[in-house]
Amino acid sequence: MFSSRSKRILAVLLVTAFTFMAVSPLFTQAQYVDDIKTGPYVDKVVYDVISQEDQAVLALQDGEIDLIGDMVDPSFLQELEEADNIETADNLRNGYGYVTINCRDDAYPQNLTVFRRALAFAVDKQAISDDVWDGLSYPQDSCVPQVNPFSVEDELTYHYYEANVELGNQMLDDAGFE
């Protein structure tokens, strides 16, 4: 595989590299600080934990806190957006909401694939996003959120089960549902 000349060259390179790595710390000098009390200091740090969301919103409005670092219930959104001294940001979260359908054998008709597919066609996901979530959510076709680097939502040229009530009804009719 390697000739003896190549092996010797590789050995010399490796020895040189290891020697350089072993000796190089000798050429650098650590900087020591005589007085370890240099730098900016504060006397104390106080953390107030506000566990109730309405109390956190009031504290933000009163200027007691500068930031609410988590999601705020949408019921507070209009009030916060109208405040002169508060800025809101609308960001997608790295999570998702979903509807679970019980598919056990004894959970008729949910245990039938045709029923679940018809239901998926009949449900208008965009209307749910607009009406139930006040437009603060985005329908998606996968369980990987759009902000996640592994999401394929933007790469899809199609979307599963866009609202098509007629098709959902036809599927149920074809399956014998009345």
C-alpha atoms as a PDB file:
ATOM      1  CA  MET A   1       0.000   0.000   0.000  1.00  0.00           C
ATOM      2  CA  PHE A   2       2.680   2.521   1.052  1.00  0.00           C
ATOM      3  CA  SER A   3       6.246   2.310  -0.167  1.00  0.00           C
ATOM      4  CA  SER A   4       9.029   2.298   2.415  1.00  0.00           C
ATOM      5  CA  ARG A   5       9.972   5.841   1.343  1.00  0.00           C
ATOM      6  CA  SER A   6       6.372   7.046   1.939  1.00  0.00           C
ATOM      7  CA  LYS A   7       6.334   5.359   5.336  1.00  0.00           C
ATOM      8  CA  ARG A   8       9.583   7.091   6.346  1.00  0.00           C
ATOM      9  CA  ILE A   9       8.301  10.498   5.217  1.00  0.00           C
ATOM     10  CA  LEU A  10       5.049   9.951   7.107  1.00  0.00           C
ATOM     11  CA  ALA A  11       6.967   8.892  10.232  1.00  0.00           C
ATOM     12  CA  VAL A  12       9.195  11.992  10.085  1.00  0.00           C
ATOM     13  CA  LEU A  13       6.146  14.246   9.651  1.00  0.00           C
ATOM     14  CA  LEU A  14       4.348  12.638  12.593  1.00  0.00           C
ATOM     15  CA  VAL A  15       7.408  12.884  14.856  1.00  0.00           C
ATOM     16  CA  THR A  16       7.862  16.539  13.857  1.00  0.00           C
ATOM     17  CA  ALA A  17       4.185  17.309  14.518  1.00  0.00           C
ATOM     18  CA  PHE A  18       4.174  15.620  17.935  1.00  0.00           C
ATOM     19  CA  THR A  19       7.441  17.313  18.879  1.00  0.00           C
ATOM     20  CA  PHE A  20       6.036  20.708  17.915  1.00  0.00           C
ATOM     21  CA  MET A  21       2.860  20.061  19.933  1.00  0.00           C
ATOM     22  CA  ALA A  22       4.904  19.015  22.964  1.00  0.00           C
ATOM     23  CA  VAL A  23       7.347  21.938  22.807  1.00  0.00           C
ATOM     24  CA  SER A  24       5.033  24.783  21.714  1.00  0.00           C
ATOM     25  CA  PRO A  25       3.602  25.448  25.221  1.00  0.00           C
ATOM     26  CA  LEU A  26       7.131  26.337  26.314  1.00  0.00           C
ATOM     27  CA  PHE A  27       7.138  29.300  23.919  1.00  0.00           C
ATOM     28  CA  THR A  28       3.958  30.827  25.297  1.00  0.00           C
ATOM     29  CA  GLN A  29       3.709  32.505  28.629  1.00  0.00           C
ATOM     30  CA  ALA A  30       0.623  32.498  30.788  1.00  0.00           C
ATOM     31  CA  GLN A  31      -0.546  35.849  32.039  1.00  0.00           C
ATOM     32  CA  TYR A  32      -1.121  35.977  35.743  1.00  0.00           C
ATOM     33  CA  VAL A  33      -3.079  38.676  37.489  1.00  0.00           C
ATOM     34  CA  ASP A  34      -1.673  39.750  40.829  1.00  0.00           C
ATOM     35  CA  ASP A  35      -4.976  41.070  42.112  1.00  0.00           C
ATOM     36  CA  ILE A  36      -7.855  38.701  41.415  1.00  0.00           C
ATOM     37  CA  LYS A  37     -10.316  41.414  42.398  1.00  0.00           C
ATOM     38  CA  THR A  38      -9.977  43.361  39.176  1.00  0.00           C
ATOM     39  CA  GLY A  39     -12.892  43.884  36.857  1.00  0.00           C
ATOM     40  CA  PRO A  40     -16.490  45.024  37.116  1.00  0.00           C
ATOM     41  CA  TYR A  41     -18.330  43.826  40.195  1.00  0.00           C
ATOM     42  CA  VAL A  42     -21.781  44.235  41.648  1.00  0.00           C
ATOM     43  CA  ASP A  43     -22.668  43.993  45.282  1.00  0.00           C
ATOM     44  CA  LYS A  44     -25.531  41.571  44.722  1.00  0.00           C
ATOM     45  CA  VAL A  45     -27.850  40.115  42.124  1.00  0.00           C
ATOM     46  CA  VAL A  46     -31.534  39.724  42.937  1.00  0.00           C
ATOM     47  CA  TYR A  47     -33.770  37.313  41.043  1.00  0.00           C
ATOM     48  CA  ASP A  48     -37.501  37.756  41.474  1.00  0.00           C
ATOM     49  CA  VAL A  49     -39.454  34.744  40.294  1.00  0.00           C
ATOM     50  CA  ILE A  50     -42.884  35.699  39.014  1.00  0.00           C
ATOM     51  CA  SER A  51     -44.786  32.478  38.509  1.00  0.00           C
ATOM     52  CA  GLN A  52     -48.144  33.914  37.456  1.00  0.00           C
ATOM     53  CA  GLU A  53     -48.304  35.153  33.877  1.00  0.00           C
ATOM     54  CA  ASP A  54     -50.725  37.987  34.624  1.00  0.00           C
ATOM     55  CA  GLN A  55     -48.385  39.221  37.365  1.00  0.00           C
ATOM     56  CA  ALA A  56     -45.437  39.110  34.946  1.00  0.00           C
ATOM     57  CA  VAL A  57     -47.398  41.179  32.416  1.00  0.00           C
ATOM     58  CA  LEU A  58     -48.276  43.732  35.113  1.00  0.00           C
ATOM     59  CA  ALA A  59     -44.631  43.889  36.225  1.00  0.00           C
ATOM     60  CA  LEU A  60     -43.577  44.488  32.613  1.00  0.00           C
ATOM     61  CA  GLN A  61     -46.166  47.236  32.184  1.00  0.00           C
ATOM     62  CA  ASP A  62     -45.087  48.894  35.454  1.00  0.00           C
ATOM     63  CA  GLY A  63     -41.411  48.810  34.467  1.00  0.00           C
ATOM     64  CA  GLU A  64     -40.459  46.435  37.280  1.00  0.00           C
ATOM     65  CA  ILE A  65     -39.007  43.946  34.780  1.00  0.00           C
ATOM     66  CA  ASP A  66     -37.508  44.425  31.338  1.00  0.00           C
ATOM     67  CA  LEU A  67     -38.336  41.150  29.644  1.00  0.00           C
ATOM     68  CA  ILE A  68     -40.685  38.210  29.709  1.00  0.00           C
ATOM     69  CA  GLY A  69     -38.474  35.491  28.307  1.00  0.00           C
ATOM     70  CA  ASP A  70     -41.185  33.004  27.485  1.00  0.00           C
ATOM     71  CA  MET A  71     -44.390  32.911  25.509  1.00  0.00           C
ATOM     72  CA  VAL A  72     -47.142  35.201  26.682  1.00  0.00           C
ATOM     73  CA  ASP A  73     -50.743  34.090  26.557  1.00  0.00           C
ATOM     74  CA  PRO A  74     -52.348  35.581  23.422  1.00  0.00           C
ATOM     75  CA  SER A  75     -55.055  37.168  25.582  1.00  0.00           C
ATOM     76  CA  PHE A  76     -52.421  39.721  26.732  1.00  0.00           C
ATOM     77  CA  LEU A  77     -51.080  40.405  23.242  1.00  0.00           C
ATOM     78  CA  GLN A  78     -53.298  43.312  22.195  1.00  0.00           C
ATOM     79  CA  GLU A  79     -52.768  45.085  25.514  1.00  0.00           C
ATOM     80  CA  LEU A  80     -48.984  44.708  25.248  1.00  0.00           C
ATOM     81  CA  GLU A  81     -48.868  45.786  21.597  1.00  0.00           C
ATOM     82  CA  GLU A  82     -50.805  48.959  22.418  1.00  0.00           C
ATOM     83  CA  ALA A  83     -48.398  49.964  25.205  1.00  0.00           C
ATOM     84  CA  ASP A  84     -46.002  52.743  24.171  1.00  0.00           C
ATOM     85  CA  ASN A  85     -43.008  51.473  26.118  1.00  0.00           C
ATOM     86  CA  ILE A  86     -43.295  47.750  25.304  1.00  0.00           C
ATOM     87  CA  GLU A  87     -42.099  46.002  22.181  1.00  0.00           C
ATOM     88  CA  THR A  88     -43.456  42.585  21.261  1.00  0.00           C
ATOM     89  CA  ALA A  89     -41.876  39.999  18.994  1.00  0.00           C
ATOM     90  CA  ASP A  90     -43.675  37.286  17.054  1.00  0.00           C
ATOM     91  CA  ASN A  91     -41.499  34.189  16.747  1.00  0.00           C
ATOM     92  CA  LEU A  92     -42.254  30.628  15.803  1.00  0.00           C
ATOM     93  CA  ARG A  93     -41.522  28.238  18.621  1.00  0.00           C
ATOM     94  CA  ASN A  94     -39.689  24.972  18.212  1.00  0.00           C
ATOM     95  CA  GLY A  95     -42.763  22.953  19.073  1.00  0.00           C
ATOM     96  CA  TYR A  96     -46.156  22.066  17.757  1.00  0.00           C
ATOM     97  CA  GLY A  97     -49.727  21.407  18.759  1.00  0.00           C
ATOM     98  CA  TYR A  98     -51.630  18.407  17.535  1.00  0.00           C
ATOM     99  CA  VAL A  99     -54.847  16.465  17.701  1.00  0.00           C
ATOM    100  CA  THR A 100     -54.586  12.861  18.817  1.00  0.00           C
ATOM    101  CA  ILE A 101     -57.014  10.283  17.506  1.00  0.00           C
ATOM    102  CA  ASN A 102     -57.537   7.095  19.494  1.00  0.00           C
ATOM    103  CA  CYS A 103     -56.860   4.323  16.964  1.00  0.00           C
ATOM    104  CA  ARG A 104     -57.300   1.243  19.156  1.00  0.00           C
ATOM    105  CA  ASP A 105     -59.264  -1.657  17.721  1.00  0.00           C
ATOM    106  CA  ASP A 106     -62.258  -0.873  19.946  1.00  0.00           C
ATOM    107  CA  ALA A 107     -62.303   2.842  19.032  1.00  0.00           C
ATOM    108  CA  TYR A 108     -64.687   2.630  16.082  1.00  0.00           C
ATOM    109  CA  PRO A 109     -64.679   4.496  13.671  1.00  0.00           C
ATOM    110  CA  GLN A 110     -61.322   6.103  14.543  1.00  0.00           C
ATOM    111  CA  ASN A 111     -59.614   2.740  14.107  1.00  0.00           C
ATOM    112  CA  LEU A 112     -60.415   2.850  10.376  1.00  0.00           C
ATOM    113  CA  THR A 113     -57.777   4.451   8.165  1.00  0.00           C
ATOM    114  CA  VAL A 114     -60.396   5.716   5.721  1.00  0.00           C
ATOM    115  CA  PHE A 115     -62.173   7.558   8.541  1.00  0.00           C
ATOM    116  CA  ARG A 116     -58.956   9.222   9.745  1.00  0.00           C
ATOM    117  CA  ARG A 117     -57.989  10.248   6.202  1.00  0.00           C
ATOM    118  CA  ALA A 118     -61.481  11.615   5.523  1.00  0.00           C
ATOM    119  CA  LEU A 119     -61.325  13.555   8.790  1.00  0.00           C
ATOM    120  CA  ALA A 120     -57.928  14.955   7.804  1.00  0.00           C
ATOM    121  CA  PHE A 121     -59.397  16.183   4.514  1.00  0.00           C
ATOM    122  CA  ALA A 122     -62.534  17.571   6.155  1.00  0.00           C
ATOM    123  CA  VAL A 123     -60.686  19.626   8.788  1.00  0.00           C
ATOM    124  CA  ASP A 124     -59.650  23.084   7.617  1.00  0.00           C
ATOM    125  CA  LYS A 125     -56.306  23.507   9.388  1.00  0.00           C
ATOM    126  CA  GLN A 126     -55.925  27.105   8.207  1.00  0.00           C
ATOM    127  CA  ALA A 127     -59.337  28.023   9.640  1.00  0.00           C
ATOM    128  CA  ILE A 128     -58.337  26.504  12.985  1.00  0.00           C
ATOM    129  CA  SER A 129     -55.120  28.521  12.914  1.00  0.00           C
ATOM    130  CA  ASP A 130     -56.978  31.721  12.062  1.00  0.00           C
ATOM    131  CA  ASP A 131     -60.046  31.328  14.276  1.00  0.00           C
ATOM    132  CA  VAL A 132     -58.907  29.322  17.287  1.00  0.00           C
ATOM    133  CA  TRP A 133     -55.322  30.573  17.520  1.00  0.00           C
ATOM    134  CA  ASP A 134     -56.006  34.115  16.215  1.00  0.00           C
ATOM    135  CA  GLY A 135     -53.546  33.566  13.374  1.00  0.00           C
ATOM    136  CA  LEU A 136     -50.706  32.920  15.833  1.00  0.00           C
ATOM    137  CA  SER A 137     -50.045  29.413  14.525  1.00  0.00           C
ATOM    138  CA  TYR A 138     -49.119  27.896  11.192  1.00  0.00           C
ATOM    139  CA  PRO A 139     -50.572  24.675   9.813  1.00  0.00           C
ATOM    140  CA  GLN A 140     -47.919  22.170   8.886  1.00  0.00           C
ATOM    141  CA  ASP A 141     -47.726  18.720   7.392  1.00  0.00           C
ATOM    142  CA  SER A 142     -45.039  17.196   9.569  1.00  0.00           C
ATOM    143  CA  CYS A 143     -44.351  16.955  13.267  1.00  0.00           C
ATOM    144  CA  VAL A 144     -41.023  18.761  12.866  1.00  0.00           C
ATOM    145  CA  PRO A 145     -41.610  22.497  13.481  1.00  0.00           C
ATOM    146  CA  GLN A 146     -40.737  24.969  10.744  1.00  0.00           C
ATOM    147  CA  VAL A 147     -38.008  26.641  12.821  1.00  0.00           C
ATOM    148  CA  ASN A 148     -36.226  23.331  13.373  1.00  0.00           C
ATOM    149  CA  PRO A 149     -33.273  22.834  10.995  1.00  0.00           C
ATOM    150  CA  PHE A 150     -34.565  19.331  10.186  1.00  0.00           C
ATOM    151  CA  SER A 151     -37.940  20.615   8.985  1.00  0.00           C
ATOM    152  CA  VAL A 152     -38.897  19.915   5.379  1.00  0.00           C
ATOM    153  CA  GLU A 153     -41.991  22.139   5.321  1.00  0.00           C
ATOM    154  CA  ASP A 154     -40.466  24.699   2.949  1.00  0.00           C
ATOM    155  CA  GLU A 155     -39.091  21.995   0.667  1.00  0.00           C
ATOM    156  CA  LEU A 156     -42.448  20.333   0.009  1.00  0.00           C
ATOM    157  CA  THR A 157     -44.091  21.191  -3.287  1.00  0.00           C
ATOM    158  CA  TYR A 158     -47.369  19.773  -2.003  1.00  0.00           C
ATOM    159  CA  HIS A 159     -49.281  19.693   1.251  1.00  0.00           C
ATOM    160  CA  TYR A 160     -51.079  16.728   2.700  1.00  0.00           C
ATOM    161  CA  TYR A 161     -54.749  16.946   3.346  1.00  0.00           C
ATOM    162  CA  GLU A 162     -55.551  20.526   2.445  1.00  0.00           C
ATOM    163  CA  ALA A 163     -59.163  21.202   3.363  1.00  0.00           C
ATOM    164  CA  ASN A 164     -61.421  19.361   0.939  1.00  0.00           C
ATOM    165  CA  VAL A 165     -64.702  18.559   2.658  1.00  0.00           C
ATOM    166  CA  GLU A 166     -66.250  17.119  -0.502  1.00  0.00           C
ATOM    167  CA  LEU A 167     -63.436  14.597  -0.884  1.00  0.00           C
ATOM    168  CA  GLY A 168     -63.675  13.676   2.810  1.00  0.00           C
ATOM    169  CA  ASN A 169     -67.421  13.094   2.464  1.00  0.00           C
ATOM    170  CA  GLN A 170     -66.907  11.066  -0.714  1.00  0.00           C
ATOM    171  CA  MET A 171     -64.348   8.862   1.048  1.00  0.00           C
ATOM    172  CA  LEU A 172     -66.821   8.233   3.877  1.00  0.00           C
ATOM    173  CA  ASP A 173     -69.632   7.491   1.410  1.00  0.00           C
ATOM    174  CA  ASP A 174     -67.402   5.047  -0.484  1.00  0.00           C
ATOM    175  CA  ALA A 175     -66.560   3.316   2.807  1.00  0.00           C
ATOM    176  CA  GLY A 176     -70.245   2.827   3.631  1.00  0.00           C
ATOM    177  CA  PHE A 177     -70.783   5.661   6.113  1.00  0.00           C
ATOM    178  CA  GLU A 178     -74.050   7.560   5.812  1.00  0.00           C
END
